[in-house]
Amino acid sequence: MTALIHTELRPKLNPSGLRNLRQEGRLPGVVFGRHADNRHIHISTGDFKRWLKQGGSGFIQLNLQGEQPLTVMLEDLQRNPVTRELLHVDFQLVQTDGIIRTKLPVKFTGTPNGTRYGGVVQIQDPYVEVEALPQHLPATVELDISAMEIGETIFVRDVPFADEVTVISGPNEILLSVLKH
């Protein structure tokens, strides 16, 4: 599913200009891609927060008034370290004929059995870095962790991907563990 967000171009702004933009409910960002010029944009902070609440993955269509829509993926998101408010967003332009390298969010579902016996879930890394053509990239990666016991760990190698997806993250990188409290 592709989300649709209305976008406006913006000039390069100094920090106070960016702060004013945020106070108006707009989130500054950049769209970049191979063989394309970087474009400074701003989008509705509310629209973007709704997209994040719905899972925050997959393609986004940015509609620029008077121009062709741009299909992008979220590349990076910057937040204020104290307030967690959104500060800036980077989008990678999706080119259907080229391989994309991106970090896919891993959604963990269920409650591990081990938590009934005092176990604690520790998420080490909620992302797996992969490469693939855009049509082969999964929108989300979902893992059911309800059967996990204390002492068990999920590694990157445990995540199933289609043959068309190349995993860049190391196979021994830990995603999640159930530890004794």
Protein backbone atom coordinates (compact mmCIF):
# COMPACT_ATOMS: atom_id res chain seq x y z
CA MET A 1 0.00 0.00 0.00
CA THR A 2 1.35 3.42 -0.95
CA ALA A 3 0.59 6.37 1.32
CA LEU A 4 -0.17 9.75 -0.22
CA ILE A 5 1.25 12.96 1.31
CA HIS A 6 0.94 16.45 -0.15
CA THR A 7 4.29 18.16 -0.38
CA GLU A 8 5.63 21.63 -0.99
CA LEU A 9 9.08 22.70 -2.08
CA ARG A 10 10.99 24.93 0.32
CA PRO A 11 14.12 27.04 0.05
CA LYS A 12 17.18 26.19 2.12
CA LEU A 13 16.41 27.69 5.53
CA ASN A 14 18.50 28.64 8.54
CA PRO A 15 17.69 27.03 11.94
CA SER A 16 15.17 29.72 12.91
CA GLY A 17 13.39 29.37 9.55
CA LEU A 18 13.14 25.60 10.07
CA ARG A 19 11.85 26.16 13.63
CA ASN A 20 9.14 28.51 12.30
CA LEU A 21 8.16 25.93 9.69
CA ARG A 22 7.77 23.27 12.42
CA GLN A 23 5.66 25.64 14.53
CA GLU A 24 3.30 25.95 11.55
CA GLY A 25 2.78 22.17 11.62
CA ARG A 26 5.14 21.45 8.73
CA LEU A 27 7.98 18.92 8.79
CA PRO A 28 11.08 19.87 6.78
CA GLY A 29 12.70 17.18 4.67
CA VAL A 30 14.87 16.25 1.73
CA VAL A 31 14.21 13.93 -1.21
CA PHE A 32 17.34 12.44 -2.75
CA GLY A 33 18.15 9.70 -5.21
CA ARG A 34 20.63 8.40 -7.70
CA HIS A 35 20.80 10.58 -10.83
CA ALA A 36 18.49 13.16 -9.23
CA ASP A 37 19.04 16.52 -7.58
CA ASN A 38 18.28 16.82 -3.88
CA ARG A 39 14.95 18.57 -3.29
CA HIS A 40 14.17 20.47 -0.10
CA ILE A 41 10.54 19.95 0.87
CA HIS A 42 8.09 20.26 3.75
CA ILE A 43 5.09 18.08 4.54
CA SER A 44 2.25 18.10 7.03
CA THR A 45 3.57 16.85 10.39
CA GLY A 46 0.09 15.48 11.19
CA ASP A 47 -0.11 13.46 7.95
CA PHE A 48 3.36 12.06 8.55
CA LYS A 49 2.57 11.12 12.17
CA ARG A 50 -0.56 9.26 10.98
CA TRP A 51 1.57 7.34 8.48
CA LEU A 52 4.04 6.44 11.25
CA LYS A 53 1.19 5.22 13.50
CA GLN A 54 -0.02 2.93 10.70
CA GLY A 55 3.33 1.17 10.68
CA GLY A 56 5.60 3.68 8.96
CA SER A 57 6.85 1.42 6.19
CA GLY A 58 6.40 0.93 2.49
CA PHE A 59 6.28 3.48 -0.28
CA ILE A 60 5.02 7.04 0.01
CA GLN A 61 3.76 9.11 -2.88
CA LEU A 62 4.70 12.76 -2.47
CA ASN A 63 2.41 15.04 -4.48
CA LEU A 64 4.10 18.28 -5.50
CA GLN A 65 1.70 20.86 -6.90
CA GLY A 66 2.17 21.17 -10.66
CA GLU A 67 4.65 18.29 -10.87
CA GLN A 68 4.63 14.53 -11.30
CA PRO A 69 4.20 12.63 -8.01
CA LEU A 70 7.40 11.26 -6.49
CA THR A 71 7.48 7.71 -5.11
CA VAL A 72 9.81 7.59 -2.12
CA MET A 73 10.78 5.51 0.90
CA LEU A 74 11.63 6.78 4.36
CA GLU A 75 15.41 6.82 4.70
CA ASP A 76 15.99 8.67 7.97
CA LEU A 77 13.97 10.42 10.63
CA GLN A 78 15.42 12.90 13.12
CA ARG A 79 13.76 13.64 16.46
CA ASN A 80 14.52 15.96 19.32
CA PRO A 81 16.37 13.73 21.83
CA VAL A 82 14.46 15.18 24.79
CA THR A 83 10.92 15.88 23.54
CA ARG A 84 10.90 13.20 20.78
CA GLU A 85 9.26 15.77 18.47
CA LEU A 86 9.91 15.27 14.75
CA LEU A 87 12.64 17.56 13.40
CA HIS A 88 13.51 16.42 9.88
CA VAL A 89 12.85 13.59 7.44
CA ASP A 90 14.92 12.19 4.56
CA PHE A 91 13.24 10.34 1.70
CA GLN A 92 14.97 8.17 -0.89
CA LEU A 93 13.56 8.41 -4.40
CA VAL A 94 12.39 5.02 -5.66
CA GLN A 95 13.57 4.16 -9.14
CA THR A 96 11.76 1.06 -10.35
CA ASP A 97 14.68 -0.15 -12.47
CA GLY A 98 17.33 0.07 -9.74
CA ILE A 99 18.14 -1.86 -6.62
CA ILE A 100 17.31 -0.06 -3.38
CA ARG A 101 19.20 -0.49 -0.13
CA THR A 102 17.05 0.24 2.91
CA LYS A 103 16.41 -0.68 6.52
CA LEU A 104 13.13 -2.56 6.96
CA PRO A 105 11.41 -2.27 10.32
CA VAL A 106 10.77 -5.57 12.10
CA LYS A 107 7.43 -5.78 13.88
CA PHE A 108 7.40 -8.25 16.77
CA THR A 109 3.98 -9.74 17.54
CA GLY A 110 2.79 -11.75 20.52
CA THR A 111 4.08 -12.00 24.08
CA PRO A 112 6.88 -14.52 24.69
CA ASN A 113 6.07 -17.49 26.97
CA GLY A 114 9.23 -16.69 28.92
CA THR A 115 7.74 -13.44 30.24
CA ARG A 116 5.30 -15.49 32.37
CA TYR A 117 8.31 -16.81 34.28
CA GLY A 118 10.04 -13.48 34.85
CA GLY A 119 11.67 -13.09 31.46
CA VAL A 120 12.18 -9.64 29.95
CA VAL A 121 12.06 -8.83 26.23
CA GLN A 122 15.10 -6.88 25.05
CA ILE A 123 15.02 -5.46 21.53
CA GLN A 124 18.56 -4.96 20.24
CA ASP A 125 17.77 -3.74 16.73
CA PRO A 126 14.28 -3.36 15.23
CA TYR A 127 15.64 -3.07 11.65
CA VAL A 128 17.17 -5.35 9.02
CA GLU A 129 19.15 -3.76 6.19
CA VAL A 130 18.35 -5.26 2.78
CA GLU A 131 18.73 -4.67 -0.96
CA ALA A 132 16.21 -5.47 -3.67
CA LEU A 133 14.29 -4.08 -6.61
CA PRO A 134 11.38 -1.96 -5.29
CA GLN A 135 8.72 -4.48 -6.36
CA HIS A 136 10.41 -7.22 -4.26
CA LEU A 137 10.77 -5.21 -1.05
CA PRO A 138 8.29 -6.29 1.63
CA ALA A 139 6.36 -3.41 3.21
CA THR A 140 6.85 -4.93 6.65
CA VAL A 141 8.67 -7.78 8.31
CA GLU A 142 6.57 -9.43 11.00
CA LEU A 143 7.85 -12.01 13.48
CA ASP A 144 5.72 -13.92 15.99
CA ILE A 145 7.69 -14.13 19.24
CA SER A 146 4.99 -15.76 21.40
CA ALA A 147 6.77 -19.17 21.55
CA MET A 148 10.06 -17.71 22.84
CA GLU A 149 11.38 -18.84 26.23
CA ILE A 150 13.95 -17.29 28.58
CA GLY A 151 17.41 -17.45 27.02
CA GLU A 152 16.20 -17.52 23.41
CA THR A 153 17.35 -15.01 20.80
CA ILE A 154 16.23 -14.05 17.30
CA PHE A 155 19.06 -13.27 14.89
CA VAL A 156 18.92 -11.64 11.45
CA ARG A 157 19.49 -15.12 9.95
CA ASP A 158 16.17 -16.24 11.48
CA VAL A 159 14.13 -13.75 9.43
CA PRO A 160 12.65 -15.28 6.26
CA PHE A 161 13.03 -13.23 3.07
CA ALA A 162 12.17 -13.96 -0.57
CA ASP A 163 15.08 -15.05 -2.77
CA GLU A 164 14.96 -11.68 -4.58
CA VAL A 165 15.89 -9.83 -1.36
CA THR A 166 19.57 -9.64 -0.38
CA VAL A 167 20.16 -9.21 3.36
CA ILE A 168 22.95 -6.72 4.10
CA SER A 169 22.80 -6.93 7.91
CA GLY A 170 25.11 -9.56 9.38
CA PRO A 171 23.46 -12.96 9.96
CA ASN A 172 24.60 -13.01 13.61
CA GLU A 173 23.20 -9.57 14.46
CA ILE A 174 20.74 -9.89 17.34
CA LEU A 175 17.24 -8.50 16.81
CA LEU A 176 15.52 -9.59 20.04
CA SER A 177 16.24 -11.68 23.16
CA VAL A 178 14.18 -12.92 26.10
CA LEU A 179 16.40 -12.52 29.16
CA LYS A 180 16.09 -13.63 32.77
CA HIS A 181 15.13 -10.68 34.95
